[in-house]
Amino acid sequence: MVVQSIEVPEDPADALAAVGALRRLADRVEGAAVSQAISDGWTWAQIAEALGVTRQAVHKKHARRVETARD
């Protein structure tokens, strides 16, 4: 099957496993980028704008981990 010029595995189990793996990778990359941005002095509002989400959403998702990393 091809979706917008992207080859998708025919077996839904394989396709969904790939989606899960990509989400986990995206979460790790996002976490590292947010941590770096905070270290560089970015505000939650700046990070939220860059990610296309609200300040509240990005703060809720990352604040605890960022605070733990600082300690």
C-alpha atoms as a PDB file:
ATOM      1  CA  MET A   1       0.000   0.000   0.000  1.00  0.00           C
ATOM      2  CA  VAL A   2       1.217   3.543  -0.754  1.00  0.00           C
ATOM      3  CA  VAL A   3      -0.013   6.586   1.154  1.00  0.00           C
ATOM      4  CA  GLN A   4       1.078   9.970  -0.224  1.00  0.00           C
ATOM      5  CA  SER A   5       4.175   8.429  -1.815  1.00  0.00           C
ATOM      6  CA  ILE A   6       5.113   6.669   1.441  1.00  0.00           C
ATOM      7  CA  GLU A   7       5.314   2.918   1.390  1.00  0.00           C
ATOM      8  CA  VAL A   8       3.307   1.424   4.226  1.00  0.00           C
ATOM      9  CA  PRO A   9       3.630  -2.230   5.190  1.00  0.00           C
ATOM     10  CA  GLU A  10       0.705  -4.328   3.955  1.00  0.00           C
ATOM     11  CA  ASP A  11       0.301  -5.980   7.349  1.00  0.00           C
ATOM     12  CA  PRO A  12      -1.463  -3.576   9.729  1.00  0.00           C
ATOM     13  CA  ALA A  13       0.487  -5.031  12.663  1.00  0.00           C
ATOM     14  CA  ASP A  14       3.773  -4.078  10.977  1.00  0.00           C
ATOM     15  CA  ALA A  15       2.461  -0.637  10.018  1.00  0.00           C
ATOM     16  CA  LEU A  16       1.228   0.075  13.536  1.00  0.00           C
ATOM     17  CA  ALA A  17       4.466  -1.163  15.075  1.00  0.00           C
ATOM     18  CA  ALA A  18       6.332   1.277  12.817  1.00  0.00           C
ATOM     19  CA  VAL A  19       4.038   4.114  13.906  1.00  0.00           C
ATOM     20  CA  GLY A  20       4.669   3.264  17.547  1.00  0.00           C
ATOM     21  CA  ALA A  21       8.427   3.219  17.009  1.00  0.00           C
ATOM     22  CA  LEU A  22       8.295   6.576  15.235  1.00  0.00           C
ATOM     23  CA  ARG A  23       6.247   8.103  18.064  1.00  0.00           C
ATOM     24  CA  ARG A  24       8.725   6.884  20.663  1.00  0.00           C
ATOM     25  CA  LEU A  25      11.604   8.307  18.626  1.00  0.00           C
ATOM     26  CA  ALA A  26       9.781  11.625  18.120  1.00  0.00           C
ATOM     27  CA  ASP A  27       9.123  11.844  21.875  1.00  0.00           C
ATOM     28  CA  ARG A  28      12.804  11.297  22.649  1.00  0.00           C
ATOM     29  CA  VAL A  29      13.908  13.894  20.091  1.00  0.00           C
ATOM     30  CA  GLU A  30      11.309  16.367  21.392  1.00  0.00           C
ATOM     31  CA  GLY A  31      12.400  15.816  24.980  1.00  0.00           C
ATOM     32  CA  ALA A  32      16.041  16.405  24.139  1.00  0.00           C
ATOM     33  CA  ALA A  33      15.196  19.523  22.120  1.00  0.00           C
ATOM     34  CA  VAL A  34      13.029  20.942  24.919  1.00  0.00           C
ATOM     35  CA  SER A  35      15.752  20.283  27.487  1.00  0.00           C
ATOM     36  CA  GLN A  36      18.291  22.024  25.268  1.00  0.00           C
ATOM     37  CA  ALA A  37      15.969  24.965  24.660  1.00  0.00           C
ATOM     38  CA  ILE A  38      15.372  25.402  28.403  1.00  0.00           C
ATOM     39  CA  SER A  39      19.136  25.209  29.027  1.00  0.00           C
ATOM     40  CA  ASP A  40      19.618  27.883  26.372  1.00  0.00           C
ATOM     41  CA  GLY A  41      17.147  30.173  28.121  1.00  0.00           C
ATOM     42  CA  TRP A  42      14.043  29.687  25.975  1.00  0.00           C
ATOM     43  CA  THR A  43      10.691  30.326  27.595  1.00  0.00           C
ATOM     44  CA  TRP A  44       7.876  27.788  27.619  1.00  0.00           C
ATOM     45  CA  ALA A  45       6.010  30.134  25.268  1.00  0.00           C
ATOM     46  CA  GLN A  46       8.865  30.098  22.740  1.00  0.00           C
ATOM     47  CA  ILE A  47       9.113  26.313  22.882  1.00  0.00           C
ATOM     48  CA  ALA A  48       5.350  25.961  22.497  1.00  0.00           C
ATOM     49  CA  GLU A  49       5.326  28.227  19.456  1.00  0.00           C
ATOM     50  CA  ALA A  50       8.150  26.257  17.840  1.00  0.00           C
ATOM     51  CA  LEU A  51       6.256  22.991  18.437  1.00  0.00           C
ATOM     52  CA  GLY A  52       2.885  24.392  17.367  1.00  0.00           C
ATOM     53  CA  VAL A  53       1.209  23.676  20.706  1.00  0.00           C
ATOM     54  CA  THR A  54       0.092  25.737  23.683  1.00  0.00           C
ATOM     55  CA  ARG A  55       2.455  26.794  26.438  1.00  0.00           C
ATOM     56  CA  GLN A  56       0.344  24.839  28.885  1.00  0.00           C
ATOM     57  CA  ALA A  57       0.594  21.666  26.797  1.00  0.00           C
ATOM     58  CA  VAL A  58       4.375  21.757  26.482  1.00  0.00           C
ATOM     59  CA  HIS A  59       4.819  22.674  30.137  1.00  0.00           C
ATOM     60  CA  LYS A  60       2.541  19.845  31.277  1.00  0.00           C
ATOM     61  CA  LYS A  61       4.405  17.336  29.116  1.00  0.00           C
ATOM     62  CA  HIS A  62       7.975  18.377  29.925  1.00  0.00           C
ATOM     63  CA  ALA A  63       8.207  20.472  33.115  1.00  0.00           C
ATOM     64  CA  ARG A  64       8.691  17.599  35.565  1.00  0.00           C
ATOM     65  CA  ARG A  65      11.427  15.966  33.498  1.00  0.00           C
ATOM     66  CA  VAL A  66      13.211  19.276  32.914  1.00  0.00           C
ATOM     67  CA  GLU A  67      13.082  20.163  36.625  1.00  0.00           C
ATOM     68  CA  THR A  68      14.368  16.685  37.560  1.00  0.00           C
ATOM     69  CA  ALA A  69      17.248  17.050  35.094  1.00  0.00           C
ATOM     70  CA  ARG A  70      18.271  20.363  36.696  1.00  0.00           C
ATOM     71  CA  ASP A  71      18.557  18.852  40.183  1.00  0.00           C
END
